Protein backbone atom coordinates (compact mmCIF):
# COMPACT_ATOMS: atom_id res chain seq x y z
CA MET A 1 0.00 0.04 0.01
CA LEU A 2 2.85 2.30 0.63
CA MET A 3 4.03 1.98 -2.95
CA ILE A 4 0.71 3.25 -4.21
CA GLU A 5 0.51 6.13 -2.23
CA LEU A 6 4.13 7.17 -3.31
CA ILE A 7 3.80 6.64 -6.86
CA PHE A 8 0.27 8.04 -7.19
CA PRO A 9 1.03 11.54 -6.95
CA TYR A 10 3.49 11.67 -9.79
CA LEU A 11 1.30 9.34 -12.21
CA ILE A 12 -1.73 11.65 -12.57
CA PRO A 13 0.85 14.81 -13.46
CA TYR A 14 2.92 12.07 -15.50
CA LEU A 15 0.09 11.50 -17.87
CA LEU A 16 -1.24 14.88 -17.99
CA LEU A 17 2.01 16.08 -19.59
CA ALA A 18 2.22 13.00 -21.84
CA ALA A 19 -1.29 13.73 -22.74
CA ILE A 20 -0.64 17.64 -23.54
CA ALA A 21 2.36 16.29 -25.75
CA GLY A 22 0.21 14.05 -27.26
CA LEU A 23 -2.25 17.10 -28.42
CA PHE A 24 0.90 18.89 -29.95
CA GLY A 25 1.65 15.86 -31.54
CA ILE A 26 -1.65 15.51 -33.38
CA ARG A 27 -0.92 16.79 -36.66
CA THR A 28 2.34 14.79 -37.23
CA ARG A 29 3.00 11.50 -38.91
CA ILE A 30 2.55 9.29 -35.35
CA GLY A 31 -0.43 11.20 -34.20
CA PHE A 32 -1.60 11.81 -30.73
CA TRP A 33 -1.59 8.19 -29.42
CA GLY A 34 2.11 7.84 -30.99
CA VAL A 35 3.15 10.64 -29.22
CA PHE A 36 1.55 9.87 -25.93
CA ILE A 37 3.09 6.42 -26.14
CA LEU A 38 6.30 8.05 -26.55
CA SER A 39 5.90 10.35 -23.91
CA ILE A 40 4.92 7.43 -21.56
CA LEU A 41 8.05 5.27 -22.37
CA VAL A 42 10.78 7.91 -22.65
CA SER A 43 9.61 11.30 -21.17
CA PRO A 44 7.04 14.07 -21.86
CA ILE A 45 10.12 16.51 -21.84
CA ILE A 46 12.00 14.31 -24.21
CA SER A 47 8.95 13.76 -26.52
CA LEU A 48 8.43 17.41 -26.79
CA ILE A 49 11.97 18.01 -28.03
CA VAL A 50 11.50 15.02 -30.48
CA LEU A 51 7.91 17.12 -31.65
CA PHE A 52 10.07 19.79 -32.95
CA PHE A 53 11.99 16.86 -35.33
CA LEU A 54 8.89 15.22 -36.93
CA LYS A 55 7.18 16.45 -39.85
CA GLU A 56 3.60 17.70 -40.08
CA LYS A 57 1.04 15.33 -41.89
CA PRO A 58 0.73 17.06 -45.20
CA ARG A 59 -2.47 18.25 -45.84
CA SER A 60 -5.00 17.07 -48.80
CA VAL A 61 -5.70 19.73 -51.28
CA GLU A 62 -8.85 19.52 -52.82
CA LYS A 63 -9.07 20.53 -56.13
CA ILE A 64 -12.35 22.62 -56.89
CA SER A 65 -13.69 22.08 -60.49
C-alpha cells in the first residue's frame, strides 16, 4: 500500500504532461497516440523536443472544378 501512496501523486501529472505532448503531436505522422505512448515510455519533456524534428502530416488539397 505504501508504494501506491508514493507513486500515485506523480502518476497523474506525468500522464497529463504526456497527454499535452500528445496534443502537440496531433498534426504529425505518428499522431496523438504515437506521441502519447512515446511520452510515457521516454519522458514528456524529451518527446516535446522530438516533436520539433517530426514532420507535419501533409494536408490534402482538394481541387474545386
